[in-house]
Structure formats: structure tokens, C-alpha cells
Amino acid sequence: MRKIKRLLFLFICIAVVIVAYEMIRYPIENNAASVQQHLRNWEHKESIDGSARITLQDFKRVDHSNTYIALFSIPGDKEGMAVLKQGWNKRLRIEVSTKMSNLVDYDDIHTNKGTYALFTGTNRSKQIERVKAALVHDTYTIDAAVPKSDYFVLYEKIPSHIKHPFPATTTLLDKAGDDITVKEFMDQELRE
């Protein structure tokens, strides 16, 4: 009986340590306000007062996977994107964040449900109707409709037979289907 109590006590201690470890690894509540606050701390760890003015523009779960995408802006700076993963405790952690270098960025993202094509971008002019990405190393093209909002996060599952979903040549299209990539890039440069 004494052995059983010791084993039970040991089991409970191990369970408490595992739960505490997961709570530390995944500290972010699954809501936009908490994500925005953690992004402020993450992006400006080295700032003197830590008061980054990050504004969360879009926050989406990639299908029904364990991966979330946060699109944010910093006044006087470019937009940024963060990839967050969900733990079994339903809380999130920031895996990576980056500043966006283009009007529309393309990347591939790996989730527990497979690999997805990911478009993040801005459409302040509202001229971009669709975005296409032609994979460089495979004969596969992703074509996605762009919403009429200033910021967007789009994703599409990539078939499992595609071995190299990155890099891709990205093309921005208007309502008529014309390539407006250069025009939109130049307009963005003039706005900045």
C-alpha cells in the first residue's frame, strides 16, 4: 500500500511539473488582445520603455490546425507577421515574427494538418483583386481572392505531392485580371 501511495505521489508531481512547463511554454491566451500585448513585448524587448505601438490588423487560425497567423503594423514602420502555435492547453506561443518586405509576401507554413501557402499583405488601394503564386520548383500555382480590406491573411492547403512549396513568383492582379504588381509596388513607394 505504501508503494502505491509513493507511485501515486510521484505521478501527481510529474503531472504538475508537465502542466506548469506547458503553461510557461504557451503563455498567450487565445484572443486578439493577448496576442497584441505579447507581440508588443516580443517585438520591442530591447526598447527603453517597451511601449511599442503595435496594432494587430488580422489574426487567423490556419484551417483547423495548431497554427495561427498574426498580421500587425507599427506606426512609422512596415507591417509584420507572426506565426503562433497552439499547445494542448489551448494557449499560444510565438514561434517567429518578421517584418514584411513587400506589399504582399508569400511563404509556406507547416502545420499539424499539412503544408499551406500563406499570403500576407496590404491592399490599401483596394486595386488588388487576386494574388497568384507560381512555384519555382514545381508546376503548381496558387490563386487566391483578396478581400477589400487594408490588411489580409490568406492561406491555401498545398497538395502533399508538392515537395518544394517555396519559393514562388508572386503576381498581383486587378479586377480585369491584369498584372499590377509593378504599379502597386510603385504606388506603395510613393505613399511612403
Foldseek 3Di string as FASTA:
>chain_A
DVVVVVVVVVVVVVVVVVVVVVCVQFVAAPDDVSVQLVVLCVVPVPDPVSDFPKDWDDWADDPPWQKIKTWIQGPPDAIKIWIWGADPVRGIDTPDMDGDDAQKDWDWDQTPVAIKIKIKHFDVVQFFQKKKWQAPPDRDMDIDGDDSHGIDIDMDHDDPVDDDRDDTDMFTAGPVRDTCRVVVRVVVVVVD
